[in-house]
Amino acid sequence: MKVNRRQLIQAGLSLAGSSLLPAIGRGQAAAAGRGPSSAGAGSSFLDLVRPPTRVELRTGAGAQPLAGAAGGRWHWSDVEVQTVAEGDLLRISVSAPRTPLERIALRWNAAAAPDLEVLGDHWERSYADLAWKSLDPARVLPWYFLTFDGQQTHGYGVRTEPGALLYFGLDSAGVTLVADLRCGGVAVRLGDRSLAVASLTTRRGGGEESPFAAARAFCRQMCPNPRLPSAPVFGINDWYYAYGKNS
């Protein structure tokens, strides 16, 4: 059977969503309880620029919880995950001199309104299927996501140029961020290096702005130093029907 690129990507996302999100998200939401959203009463904004509630190391053999310590540090064996809040950023890094790393998952307990509308993106580009959807704990949200409560649009994501492939999961009890650290599908061996995984950032929406304006503002926040051309660029993507053989 011939499988095209879109089917391959969708299959990968489906597998990621079914195998990685539930263990720390849906499966433990009831046991973990609902943590506070520090946005204040009546607000749907979720505060993620703070130490996570839980951190796990993910391998093919399963999940290994890390023990929390002071200063936003999490440990297991020689593995250390560190989270440092700097303004509107939460910088996430990992070191592991001996242990090969595949994935880490960070979980923030925070009560999310069940009637939120959620907009996500794709790993590379959309196939005209982006849409506001209801809360779905199994949904994979690459790089960032937006929520709309009927009045305000809030943004949650990672800054551009991270050190891993990252995606979010959102359920009524909180947010999970999974970082795929592998190199070409193989566990990465850091040795004496420390990997800057990502800089997580959030944006609280204003009551008078449209969801479109909020999305534009948040995208600028995630990409503070865009690489823009000096002049307009015109062209088409013909690879799927001409494979580059045209004039």
Protein backbone atom coordinates (compact mmCIF):
# COMPACT_ATOMS: atom_id res chain seq x y z
CA MET A 1 0.00 0.00 0.00
CA LYS A 2 1.35 3.38 -0.97
CA VAL A 3 1.38 5.84 1.95
CA ASN A 4 1.64 9.54 1.23
CA ARG A 5 3.33 12.13 3.39
CA ARG A 6 0.15 13.45 4.95
CA GLN A 7 -0.97 9.97 6.03
CA LEU A 8 2.44 9.30 7.56
CA ILE A 9 2.35 12.52 9.60
CA GLN A 10 -1.21 11.91 10.78
CA ALA A 11 -0.35 8.36 11.81
CA GLY A 12 2.62 9.63 13.80
CA LEU A 13 0.53 12.24 15.58
CA SER A 14 -2.16 9.71 16.39
CA LEU A 15 0.41 7.39 17.90
CA ALA A 16 2.00 10.21 19.87
CA GLY A 17 -1.31 11.35 21.25
CA SER A 18 -2.47 7.89 22.27
CA SER A 19 0.81 6.74 23.83
CA LEU A 20 2.34 9.81 25.46
CA LEU A 21 -0.37 12.16 26.66
CA PRO A 22 -2.67 9.94 28.74
CA ALA A 23 -0.07 8.65 31.20
CA ILE A 24 0.73 12.00 32.71
CA GLY A 25 -2.42 13.84 31.59
CA ARG A 26 -5.71 11.99 31.45
CA GLY A 27 -4.59 8.92 33.35
CA GLN A 28 -3.35 10.81 36.41
CA ALA A 29 -5.57 13.88 36.33
CA ALA A 30 -7.99 12.54 38.90
CA ALA A 31 -5.24 11.28 41.17
CA ALA A 32 -3.20 14.46 40.92
CA GLY A 33 -6.15 16.75 41.58
CA ARG A 34 -6.76 20.18 40.19
CA GLY A 35 -4.13 22.75 40.90
CA PRO A 36 -4.71 26.49 41.01
CA SER A 37 -4.74 28.84 38.06
CA SER A 38 -3.17 31.99 39.50
CA ALA A 39 -5.02 34.24 37.06
CA GLY A 40 -7.63 34.97 39.70
CA ALA A 41 -11.31 34.19 40.07
CA GLY A 42 -13.34 34.28 36.87
CA SER A 43 -10.34 34.07 34.53
CA SER A 44 -9.64 31.14 32.21
CA PHE A 45 -5.92 31.97 31.94
CA LEU A 46 -3.62 29.12 33.03
CA ASP A 47 -0.37 30.07 34.74
CA LEU A 48 2.42 27.88 33.34
CA VAL A 49 5.41 30.14 33.99
CA ARG A 50 6.14 28.34 37.25
CA PRO A 51 7.72 25.02 38.27
CA PRO A 52 5.70 22.08 36.96
CA THR A 53 3.70 19.83 39.24
CA ARG A 54 5.36 16.70 37.90
CA VAL A 55 8.21 15.73 35.58
CA GLU A 56 8.74 12.34 33.93
CA LEU A 57 11.47 10.73 31.87
CA ARG A 58 9.98 8.76 28.94
CA THR A 59 11.66 5.77 27.30
CA GLY A 60 10.50 2.79 25.30
CA ALA A 61 10.39 0.87 28.57
CA GLY A 62 7.93 3.27 30.20
CA ALA A 63 7.86 6.38 32.37
CA GLN A 64 10.18 7.26 35.23
CA PRO A 65 9.05 10.06 37.60
CA LEU A 66 11.70 12.55 38.67
CA ALA A 67 11.91 13.76 42.25
CA GLY A 68 11.47 17.49 42.77
CA ALA A 69 14.01 19.59 44.63
CA ALA A 70 14.46 23.25 45.53
CA GLY A 71 15.14 25.76 42.76
CA GLY A 72 12.93 24.16 40.13
CA ARG A 73 15.19 21.10 39.78
CA TRP A 74 14.04 17.54 39.16
CA HIS A 75 16.26 14.47 39.55
CA TRP A 76 16.47 10.76 38.78
CA SER A 77 19.77 8.91 38.69
CA ASP A 78 22.12 11.23 36.75
CA VAL A 79 19.25 13.01 34.96
CA GLU A 80 18.43 16.57 35.99
CA VAL A 81 15.66 18.73 34.54
CA GLN A 82 15.76 22.41 35.52
CA THR A 83 13.06 25.05 35.11
CA VAL A 84 13.90 28.71 35.65
CA ALA A 85 11.32 31.51 35.45
CA GLU A 86 12.58 34.73 33.81
CA GLY A 87 9.89 37.33 33.25
CA ASP A 88 7.29 35.83 30.90
CA LEU A 89 9.53 32.82 30.11
CA LEU A 90 10.09 29.47 31.78
CA ARG A 91 13.44 28.15 30.56
CA ILE A 92 13.64 24.35 30.54
CA SER A 93 16.97 22.49 30.37
CA VAL A 94 18.16 18.94 30.92
CA SER A 95 21.46 17.24 31.64
CA ALA A 96 22.29 13.53 31.79
CA PRO A 97 25.98 12.57 31.64
CA ARG A 98 25.29 8.82 31.31
CA THR A 99 21.58 8.16 30.62
CA PRO A 100 20.41 8.19 26.95
CA LEU A 101 17.39 10.50 26.68
CA GLU A 102 14.30 10.00 24.53
CA ARG A 103 11.55 12.23 25.94
CA ILE A 104 10.68 14.24 29.00
CA ALA A 105 7.16 15.26 30.01
CA LEU A 106 6.26 18.19 32.26
CA ARG A 107 2.83 18.49 33.87
CA TRP A 108 1.13 21.55 35.37
CA ASN A 109 -2.03 20.95 37.38
CA ALA A 110 -4.45 23.79 36.66
CA ALA A 111 -8.24 23.74 36.42
CA ALA A 112 -9.27 24.38 32.83
CA ALA A 113 -12.87 25.26 32.00
CA PRO A 114 -14.46 22.29 30.18
CA ASP A 115 -16.20 24.59 27.67
CA LEU A 116 -12.97 26.18 26.37
CA GLU A 117 -12.45 26.29 22.62
CA VAL A 118 -8.92 25.29 21.62
CA LEU A 119 -6.94 26.12 18.47
CA GLY A 120 -3.80 24.13 17.66
CA ASP A 121 -1.36 24.01 14.76
CA HIS A 122 0.66 21.37 12.89
CA TRP A 123 4.28 20.33 13.11
CA GLU A 124 5.12 21.83 9.72
CA ARG A 125 2.07 23.32 7.99
CA SER A 126 -1.68 22.84 7.96
CA TYR A 127 -3.74 20.92 5.45
CA ALA A 128 -6.68 23.35 5.70
CA ASP A 129 -7.87 21.47 8.79
CA LEU A 130 -7.03 23.94 11.56
CA ALA A 131 -10.09 24.84 13.61
CA TRP A 132 -11.32 25.84 17.03
CA LYS A 133 -12.35 22.60 18.76
CA SER A 134 -13.65 21.57 22.14
CA LEU A 135 -11.37 20.28 24.87
CA ASP A 136 -9.85 16.93 23.87
CA PRO A 137 -7.29 15.35 26.26
CA ALA A 138 -5.90 13.09 23.49
CA ARG A 139 -5.31 15.93 21.03
CA VAL A 140 -1.68 16.65 20.19
CA LEU A 141 -0.92 20.40 20.01
CA PRO A 142 2.51 20.98 18.41
CA TRP A 143 4.54 24.01 19.52
CA TYR A 144 1.65 26.11 20.91
CA PHE A 145 -2.09 26.42 21.39
CA LEU A 146 -4.71 29.11 21.96
CA THR A 147 -7.83 28.97 24.14
CA PHE A 148 -10.99 31.07 23.83
CA ASP A 149 -13.52 31.34 26.67
CA GLY A 150 -16.05 33.45 24.80
CA GLN A 151 -14.37 36.73 25.74
CA GLN A 152 -10.60 36.32 25.93
CA THR A 153 -8.02 34.45 23.84
CA HIS A 154 -4.98 33.18 25.76
CA GLY A 155 -1.78 31.77 24.28
CA TYR A 156 0.59 29.04 25.48
CA GLY A 157 3.67 27.88 23.60
CA VAL A 158 7.43 27.71 23.23
CA ARG A 159 9.73 30.22 21.63
CA THR A 160 11.20 29.47 18.22
CA GLU A 161 14.55 27.66 17.94
CA PRO A 162 14.00 25.14 20.76
CA GLY A 163 16.25 22.16 21.38
CA ALA A 164 13.59 19.49 20.88
CA LEU A 165 10.31 18.66 19.12
CA LEU A 166 7.60 19.77 21.54
CA TYR A 167 3.87 19.43 21.83
CA PHE A 168 1.20 20.17 24.42
CA GLY A 169 -1.78 18.29 25.76
CA LEU A 170 -4.67 20.06 27.46
CA ASP A 171 -7.32 18.49 29.66
CA SER A 172 -9.71 19.80 32.30
CA ALA A 173 -7.15 19.21 35.07
CA GLY A 174 -4.10 20.78 33.51
CA VAL A 175 -1.45 21.00 30.79
CA THR A 176 1.23 18.53 29.70
CA LEU A 177 4.30 19.48 27.66
CA VAL A 178 6.19 16.62 25.99
CA ALA A 179 9.70 17.22 24.62
CA ASP A 180 11.04 14.65 22.13
CA LEU A 181 14.81 14.82 22.58
CA ARG A 182 15.76 12.03 20.19
CA CYS A 183 18.20 12.53 17.34
CA GLY A 184 17.03 10.78 14.19
CA GLY A 185 14.81 8.50 16.26
CA VAL A 186 17.69 7.46 18.53
CA ALA A 187 18.09 8.48 22.17
CA VAL A 188 20.45 11.42 22.57
CA ARG A 189 23.59 11.07 24.70
CA LEU A 190 24.48 14.46 26.16
CA GLY A 191 27.66 13.51 28.00
CA ASP A 192 28.93 16.61 29.79
CA ARG A 193 26.59 18.92 27.85
CA SER A 194 23.40 20.57 29.08
CA LEU A 195 20.55 20.87 26.55
CA ALA A 196 18.41 24.01 26.44
CA VAL A 197 15.11 22.23 25.70
CA ALA A 198 12.78 25.20 25.30
CA SER A 199 11.62 28.56 26.58
CA LEU A 200 7.96 28.25 27.46
CA THR A 201 5.94 31.46 27.21
CA THR A 202 2.32 32.46 27.75
CA ARG A 203 0.14 35.45 26.94
CA ARG A 204 -3.01 36.58 28.71
CA GLY A 205 -5.55 37.91 26.22
CA GLY A 206 -7.34 41.23 26.45
CA GLY A 207 -11.08 41.55 26.63
CA GLU A 208 -11.38 43.88 23.64
CA GLU A 209 -9.11 42.11 21.14
CA SER A 210 -10.27 39.58 18.57
CA PRO A 211 -8.93 36.00 18.58
CA PHE A 212 -7.09 36.83 15.35
CA ALA A 213 -5.35 39.83 16.92
CA ALA A 214 -4.49 37.77 19.99
CA ALA A 215 -3.02 35.01 17.82
CA ARG A 216 -0.88 37.48 15.86
CA ALA A 217 0.41 39.07 19.06
CA PHE A 218 1.25 35.70 20.58
CA CYS A 219 3.08 34.52 17.45
CA ARG A 220 5.23 37.67 17.63
CA GLN A 221 5.91 36.85 21.29
CA MET A 222 7.01 33.31 20.41
CA CYS A 223 9.29 34.60 17.63
CA PRO A 224 10.93 37.82 18.90
CA ASN A 225 13.67 37.74 16.22
CA PRO A 226 12.07 36.65 12.93
CA ARG A 227 14.27 36.05 9.89
CA LEU A 228 12.50 38.15 7.29
CA PRO A 229 13.53 38.65 3.63
CA SER A 230 14.73 42.08 2.58
CA ALA A 231 12.21 42.13 -0.29
CA PRO A 232 8.95 40.37 -1.20
CA VAL A 233 9.31 36.75 -2.31
CA PHE A 234 6.96 35.22 -4.87
CA GLY A 235 6.67 31.56 -5.75
CA ILE A 236 4.72 28.32 -5.47
CA ASN A 237 5.24 24.94 -3.88
CA ASP A 238 5.07 22.50 -6.81
CA TRP A 239 6.79 19.51 -5.25
CA TYR A 240 3.69 17.35 -4.99
CA TYR A 241 2.76 17.44 -8.67
CA ALA A 242 5.86 18.49 -10.64
CA TYR A 243 8.64 17.45 -8.24
CA GLY A 244 10.62 20.58 -9.00
CA LYS A 245 10.77 19.95 -12.74
CA ASN A 246 9.19 23.09 -14.12
CA SER A 247 10.19 26.59 -15.17
